Amino acid sequence: MTDNKNETMTERELNNLASRIVAKMMHLKTMEDWFEHARDSEEATDNDYFSLELSEEYAAYGETAKLLTLLNLFQEDENYEVCAIIKRRLDAVNKILDKYDEI
């Protein structure tokens, strides 16, 4: 570019600037597309969930909710053998929660 503020840019300088702007925009769009793909991938979803660093207590509450839902589903299907397995797991999770109730 020219040093004198009264002068205008040449056609060549304008084309060079336009090319640089378009190249930067294409680079940003490519990065955005990659990020969206990476963010929506199964691995990213798994990593996000496991990076939550849930406390033992919160993890136990989540496990309890899941087990109670499964227990209701298997009771409706009258699959009582599976219900017994789920009940044993619920008892174990309740022992974890009991120690937080004592605090």
C-alpha atoms as a PDB file:
ATOM      1  CA  MET A   1       0.000   0.000   0.000  1.00  0.00           C
ATOM      2  CA  THR A   2       1.052   3.537  -0.438  1.00  0.00           C
ATOM      3  CA  ASP A   3       2.281   5.772   2.341  1.00  0.00           C
ATOM      4  CA  ASN A   4       0.498   8.915   1.197  1.00  0.00           C
ATOM      5  CA  LYS A   5      -3.038   9.073   2.663  1.00  0.00           C
ATOM      6  CA  ASN A   6      -4.291  11.103  -0.285  1.00  0.00           C
ATOM      7  CA  GLU A   7      -3.478   8.372  -2.770  1.00  0.00           C
ATOM      8  CA  THR A   8      -5.820   5.504  -3.497  1.00  0.00           C
ATOM      9  CA  MET A   9      -4.954   1.851  -3.706  1.00  0.00           C
ATOM     10  CA  THR A  10      -4.015   0.460  -7.079  1.00  0.00           C
ATOM     11  CA  GLU A  11      -6.088  -2.223  -8.720  1.00  0.00           C
ATOM     12  CA  ARG A  12      -3.355  -4.728  -7.927  1.00  0.00           C
ATOM     13  CA  GLU A  13      -3.325  -3.743  -4.225  1.00  0.00           C
ATOM     14  CA  LEU A  14      -7.125  -3.999  -4.059  1.00  0.00           C
ATOM     15  CA  ASN A  15      -7.050  -7.467  -5.635  1.00  0.00           C
ATOM     16  CA  ASN A  16      -4.303  -8.553  -3.245  1.00  0.00           C
ATOM     17  CA  LEU A  17      -6.295  -7.312  -0.242  1.00  0.00           C
ATOM     18  CA  ALA A  18      -9.495  -8.946  -1.517  1.00  0.00           C
ATOM     19  CA  SER A  19      -7.674 -12.248  -2.017  1.00  0.00           C
ATOM     20  CA  ARG A  20      -6.284 -12.123   1.498  1.00  0.00           C
ATOM     21  CA  ILE A  21      -9.730 -11.365   2.964  1.00  0.00           C
ATOM     22  CA  VAL A  22     -11.369 -14.206   1.035  1.00  0.00           C
ATOM     23  CA  ALA A  23      -8.593 -16.627   2.024  1.00  0.00           C
ATOM     24  CA  LYS A  24      -9.018 -15.709   5.701  1.00  0.00           C
ATOM     25  CA  MET A  25     -12.814 -16.084   5.473  1.00  0.00           C
ATOM     26  CA  MET A  26     -12.463 -19.503   3.805  1.00  0.00           C
ATOM     27  CA  HIS A  27     -10.031 -20.563   6.525  1.00  0.00           C
ATOM     28  CA  LEU A  28     -12.467 -19.454   9.237  1.00  0.00           C
ATOM     29  CA  LYS A  29     -15.377 -21.248   7.537  1.00  0.00           C
ATOM     30  CA  THR A  30     -13.300 -24.427   7.269  1.00  0.00           C
ATOM     31  CA  MET A  31     -12.446 -24.193  10.960  1.00  0.00           C
ATOM     32  CA  GLU A  32     -16.110 -23.606  11.833  1.00  0.00           C
ATOM     33  CA  ASP A  33     -17.199 -26.638   9.788  1.00  0.00           C
ATOM     34  CA  TRP A  34     -14.530 -28.792  11.426  1.00  0.00           C
ATOM     35  CA  PHE A  35     -15.531 -27.610  14.893  1.00  0.00           C
ATOM     36  CA  GLU A  36     -19.210 -28.350  14.263  1.00  0.00           C
ATOM     37  CA  HIS A  37     -18.336 -31.814  12.984  1.00  0.00           C
ATOM     38  CA  ALA A  38     -16.004 -32.491  15.914  1.00  0.00           C
ATOM     39  CA  ARG A  39     -18.507 -31.143  18.440  1.00  0.00           C
ATOM     40  CA  ASP A  40     -21.334 -33.298  17.075  1.00  0.00           C
ATOM     41  CA  SER A  41     -19.292 -36.505  16.896  1.00  0.00           C
ATOM     42  CA  GLU A  42     -20.014 -39.420  19.205  1.00  0.00           C
ATOM     43  CA  GLU A  43     -16.525 -39.189  20.702  1.00  0.00           C
ATOM     44  CA  ALA A  44     -17.034 -35.538  21.609  1.00  0.00           C
ATOM     45  CA  THR A  45     -20.357 -36.312  23.226  1.00  0.00           C
ATOM     46  CA  ASP A  46     -18.784 -39.110  25.275  1.00  0.00           C
ATOM     47  CA  ASN A  47     -15.834 -36.927  26.250  1.00  0.00           C
ATOM     48  CA  ASP A  48     -18.135 -34.094  27.296  1.00  0.00           C
ATOM     49  CA  TYR A  49     -20.169 -36.422  29.502  1.00  0.00           C
ATOM     50  CA  PHE A  50     -17.164 -38.056  31.135  1.00  0.00           C
ATOM     51  CA  SER A  51     -15.487 -34.693  31.722  1.00  0.00           C
ATOM     52  CA  LEU A  52     -18.358 -33.602  33.968  1.00  0.00           C
ATOM     53  CA  GLU A  53     -16.465 -35.031  36.954  1.00  0.00           C
ATOM     54  CA  LEU A  54     -19.616 -35.891  38.869  1.00  0.00           C
ATOM     55  CA  SER A  55     -19.247 -36.419  42.580  1.00  0.00           C
ATOM     56  CA  GLU A  56     -19.928 -39.885  43.907  1.00  0.00           C
ATOM     57  CA  GLU A  57     -23.172 -38.622  45.396  1.00  0.00           C
ATOM     58  CA  TYR A  58     -24.453 -37.103  42.138  1.00  0.00           C
ATOM     59  CA  ALA A  59     -23.409 -40.161  40.161  1.00  0.00           C
ATOM     60  CA  ALA A  60     -25.340 -42.315  42.644  1.00  0.00           C
ATOM     61  CA  TYR A  61     -28.444 -40.144  42.214  1.00  0.00           C
ATOM     62  CA  GLY A  62     -28.174 -40.550  38.455  1.00  0.00           C
ATOM     63  CA  GLU A  63     -27.702 -44.304  38.782  1.00  0.00           C
ATOM     64  CA  THR A  64     -30.746 -44.481  41.073  1.00  0.00           C
ATOM     65  CA  ALA A  65     -32.912 -42.647  38.537  1.00  0.00           C
ATOM     66  CA  LYS A  66     -31.780 -44.972  35.764  1.00  0.00           C
ATOM     67  CA  LEU A  67     -32.313 -48.112  37.835  1.00  0.00           C
ATOM     68  CA  LEU A  68     -35.780 -47.041  38.983  1.00  0.00           C
ATOM     69  CA  THR A  69     -36.784 -46.402  35.376  1.00  0.00           C
ATOM     70  CA  LEU A  70     -35.511 -49.826  34.346  1.00  0.00           C
ATOM     71  CA  LEU A  71     -37.222 -51.453  37.322  1.00  0.00           C
ATOM     72  CA  ASN A  72     -40.571 -49.962  36.262  1.00  0.00           C
ATOM     73  CA  LEU A  73     -40.093 -51.132  32.664  1.00  0.00           C
ATOM     74  CA  PHE A  74     -39.226 -54.685  33.661  1.00  0.00           C
ATOM     75  CA  GLN A  75     -42.070 -54.827  36.200  1.00  0.00           C
ATOM     76  CA  GLU A  76     -44.504 -53.882  33.425  1.00  0.00           C
ATOM     77  CA  ASP A  77     -43.054 -56.715  31.335  1.00  0.00           C
ATOM     78  CA  GLU A  78     -43.339 -59.042  34.355  1.00  0.00           C
ATOM     79  CA  ASN A  79     -39.657 -59.904  34.037  1.00  0.00           C
ATOM     80  CA  TYR A  80     -39.097 -60.406  37.751  1.00  0.00           C
ATOM     81  CA  GLU A  81     -35.693 -62.087  37.443  1.00  0.00           C
ATOM     82  CA  VAL A  82     -34.264 -58.899  35.986  1.00  0.00           C
ATOM     83  CA  CYS A  83     -36.127 -56.878  38.619  1.00  0.00           C
ATOM     84  CA  ALA A  84     -34.302 -58.833  41.321  1.00  0.00           C
ATOM     85  CA  ILE A  85     -30.933 -57.986  39.738  1.00  0.00           C
ATOM     86  CA  ILE A  86     -31.873 -54.319  39.495  1.00  0.00           C
ATOM     87  CA  LYS A  87     -33.083 -54.352  43.105  1.00  0.00           C
ATOM     88  CA  ARG A  88     -29.692 -55.671  44.271  1.00  0.00           C
ATOM     89  CA  ARG A  89     -27.953 -52.886  42.369  1.00  0.00           C
ATOM     90  CA  LEU A  90     -30.354 -50.325  43.859  1.00  0.00           C
ATOM     91  CA  ASP A  91     -29.500 -51.599  47.341  1.00  0.00           C
ATOM     92  CA  ALA A  92     -25.800 -51.088  46.617  1.00  0.00           C
ATOM     93  CA  VAL A  93     -26.394 -47.568  45.295  1.00  0.00           C
ATOM     94  CA  ASN A  94     -28.575 -46.740  48.293  1.00  0.00           C
ATOM     95  CA  LYS A  95     -25.680 -47.683  50.584  1.00  0.00           C
ATOM     96  CA  ILE A  96     -23.575 -45.076  48.776  1.00  0.00           C
ATOM     97  CA  LEU A  97     -26.318 -42.470  49.239  1.00  0.00           C
ATOM     98  CA  ASP A  98     -26.785 -43.383  52.896  1.00  0.00           C
ATOM     99  CA  LYS A  99     -23.319 -42.171  53.770  1.00  0.00           C
ATOM    100  CA  TYR A 100     -24.196 -38.732  52.341  1.00  0.00           C
ATOM    101  CA  ASP A 101     -27.457 -38.628  54.308  1.00  0.00           C
ATOM    102  CA  GLU A 102     -25.462 -39.016  57.519  1.00  0.00           C
ATOM    103  CA  ILE A 103     -23.438 -35.868  56.850  1.00  0.00           C
END
